[in-house]
Every structure is written in structure tokens, then in C-alpha cells.
Amino acid sequence: MGRKTVALSVNAEIYDEYKKYCEENAIILSRKFDEFMKKELKKAGRI
């Protein structure tokens, strides 16, 4: 499965705080977004 670069528009304050949280906890931000999308698709019965 390949990777895709995307542009998103998000709340700047929330993004900055979450990015800091990820850095402090050795979390890769893009992988967390992958997990979120996968969970949403599973809930919708799409995968």
C-alpha cells in the first residue's frame, strides 16, 4: 500500500498542541491520522 501526501485545513491551536503531544510521546502524527480514518471506515462498514 502506498503513501499519499495531502493538505488539510485544521484549527491551528489544536494542531500545534497535538503535534507537541505527539512529539513528547514519540507518536508519528500521520500514523495517528491513518488510524483515525481506518476506525471511521470500519464503523461505517466500508472496510
N, C-alpha and C. Protein backbone atom coordinates (compact mmCIF):
# COMPACT_ATOMS: atom_id res chain seq x y z
N MET A 1 0.85 -1.17 0.00
CA MET A 1 0.00 0.00 0.00
C MET A 1 0.90 1.24 0.00
N GLY A 2 0.64 2.16 -0.89
CA GLY A 2 1.46 3.36 -1.00
C GLY A 2 1.05 4.45 -0.03
N ARG A 3 1.83 5.47 0.01
CA ARG A 3 1.55 6.64 0.87
C ARG A 3 1.11 7.79 -0.02
N LYS A 4 0.31 8.68 0.50
CA LYS A 4 -0.19 9.83 -0.24
C LYS A 4 -0.03 11.08 0.61
N THR A 5 0.48 12.13 0.03
CA THR A 5 0.61 13.40 0.72
C THR A 5 -0.66 14.20 0.50
N VAL A 6 -1.23 14.74 1.59
CA VAL A 6 -2.47 15.52 1.50
C VAL A 6 -2.30 16.84 2.24
N ALA A 7 -3.11 17.80 1.86
CA ALA A 7 -3.14 19.10 2.55
C ALA A 7 -4.45 19.19 3.31
N LEU A 8 -4.39 19.56 4.57
CA LEU A 8 -5.58 19.68 5.40
C LEU A 8 -5.64 21.06 6.02
N SER A 9 -6.84 21.51 6.28
CA SER A 9 -7.03 22.77 6.98
C SER A 9 -7.61 22.43 8.35
N VAL A 10 -6.84 22.70 9.41
CA VAL A 10 -7.27 22.37 10.76
C VAL A 10 -7.08 23.57 11.67
N ASN A 11 -7.72 23.52 12.83
CA ASN A 11 -7.56 24.57 13.82
C ASN A 11 -6.10 24.64 14.24
N ALA A 12 -5.47 25.79 14.10
CA ALA A 12 -4.03 25.94 14.34
C ALA A 12 -3.65 25.63 15.79
N GLU A 13 -4.43 26.10 16.75
CA GLU A 13 -4.10 25.87 18.15
C GLU A 13 -4.18 24.39 18.51
N ILE A 14 -5.23 23.72 18.03
CA ILE A 14 -5.37 22.30 18.29
C ILE A 14 -4.25 21.52 17.62
N TYR A 15 -3.94 21.86 16.38
CA TYR A 15 -2.86 21.19 15.66
C TYR A 15 -1.53 21.33 16.39
N ASP A 16 -1.21 22.55 16.79
CA ASP A 16 0.07 22.80 17.47
C ASP A 16 0.17 22.01 18.77
N GLU A 17 -0.91 21.99 19.54
CA GLU A 17 -0.91 21.26 20.80
C GLU A 17 -0.81 19.76 20.57
N TYR A 18 -1.54 19.24 19.57
CA TYR A 18 -1.50 17.80 19.29
C TYR A 18 -0.14 17.39 18.74
N LYS A 19 0.44 18.24 17.91
CA LYS A 19 1.78 17.96 17.38
C LYS A 19 2.79 17.87 18.52
N LYS A 20 2.70 18.79 19.47
CA LYS A 20 3.59 18.78 20.63
C LYS A 20 3.38 17.48 21.43
N TYR A 21 2.12 17.12 21.64
CA TYR A 21 1.79 15.88 22.34
C TYR A 21 2.42 14.67 21.65
N CYS A 22 2.31 14.62 20.33
CA CYS A 22 2.88 13.50 19.56
C CYS A 22 4.40 13.47 19.71
N GLU A 23 5.03 14.62 19.62
CA GLU A 23 6.49 14.68 19.77
C GLU A 23 6.93 14.21 21.16
N GLU A 24 6.20 14.62 22.19
CA GLU A 24 6.55 14.24 23.56
C GLU A 24 6.35 12.75 23.82
N ASN A 25 5.48 12.12 23.04
CA ASN A 25 5.16 10.71 23.25
C ASN A 25 5.65 9.80 22.12
N ALA A 26 6.57 10.31 21.31
CA ALA A 26 7.16 9.54 20.20
C ALA A 26 6.08 8.93 19.30
N ILE A 27 5.08 9.75 18.98
CA ILE A 27 3.98 9.32 18.10
C ILE A 27 4.16 10.00 16.75
N ILE A 28 3.97 9.24 15.69
CA ILE A 28 4.04 9.81 14.35
C ILE A 28 2.65 10.33 13.99
N LEU A 29 2.55 11.63 13.81
CA LEU A 29 1.26 12.29 13.59
C LEU A 29 0.50 11.69 12.41
N SER A 30 1.16 11.45 11.30
CA SER A 30 0.45 10.91 10.13
C SER A 30 -0.08 9.51 10.38
N ARG A 31 0.61 8.72 11.19
CA ARG A 31 0.12 7.37 11.50
C ARG A 31 -1.14 7.44 12.37
N LYS A 32 -1.19 8.42 13.27
CA LYS A 32 -2.39 8.59 14.07
C LYS A 32 -3.59 8.95 13.20
N PHE A 33 -3.36 9.77 12.19
CA PHE A 33 -4.44 10.13 11.27
C PHE A 33 -4.87 8.91 10.47
N ASP A 34 -3.91 8.08 10.05
CA ASP A 34 -4.24 6.82 9.38
C ASP A 34 -5.17 5.97 10.25
N GLU A 35 -4.80 5.82 11.53
CA GLU A 35 -5.60 5.01 12.46
C GLU A 35 -7.01 5.58 12.60
N PHE A 36 -7.11 6.92 12.71
CA PHE A 36 -8.42 7.55 12.83
C PHE A 36 -9.29 7.25 11.61
N MET A 37 -8.74 7.42 10.41
CA MET A 37 -9.52 7.18 9.19
C MET A 37 -9.95 5.73 9.10
N LYS A 38 -9.06 4.81 9.46
CA LYS A 38 -9.38 3.39 9.39
C LYS A 38 -10.52 3.05 10.35
N LYS A 39 -10.48 3.59 11.58
CA LYS A 39 -11.55 3.34 12.55
C LYS A 39 -12.89 3.87 12.04
N GLU A 40 -12.87 5.06 11.45
CA GLU A 40 -14.11 5.65 10.92
C GLU A 40 -14.67 4.80 9.78
N LEU A 41 -13.81 4.30 8.91
CA LEU A 41 -14.27 3.46 7.80
C LEU A 41 -14.83 2.14 8.31
N LYS A 42 -14.20 1.57 9.33
CA LYS A 42 -14.71 0.33 9.91
C LYS A 42 -16.08 0.55 10.53
N LYS A 43 -16.26 1.66 11.26
CA LYS A 43 -17.56 1.95 11.87
C LYS A 43 -18.64 2.10 10.80
N ALA A 44 -18.28 2.64 9.65
CA ALA A 44 -19.23 2.85 8.56
C ALA A 44 -19.42 1.59 7.71
N GLY A 45 -18.69 0.52 8.03
CA GLY A 45 -18.80 -0.72 7.27
C GLY A 45 -18.17 -0.65 5.89
N ARG A 46 -17.25 0.27 5.71
CA ARG A 46 -16.63 0.45 4.40
C ARG A 46 -15.39 -0.41 4.19
N ILE A 47 -14.82 -0.91 5.30
CA ILE A 47 -13.68 -1.84 5.20
C ILE A 47 -13.83 -2.94 6.23
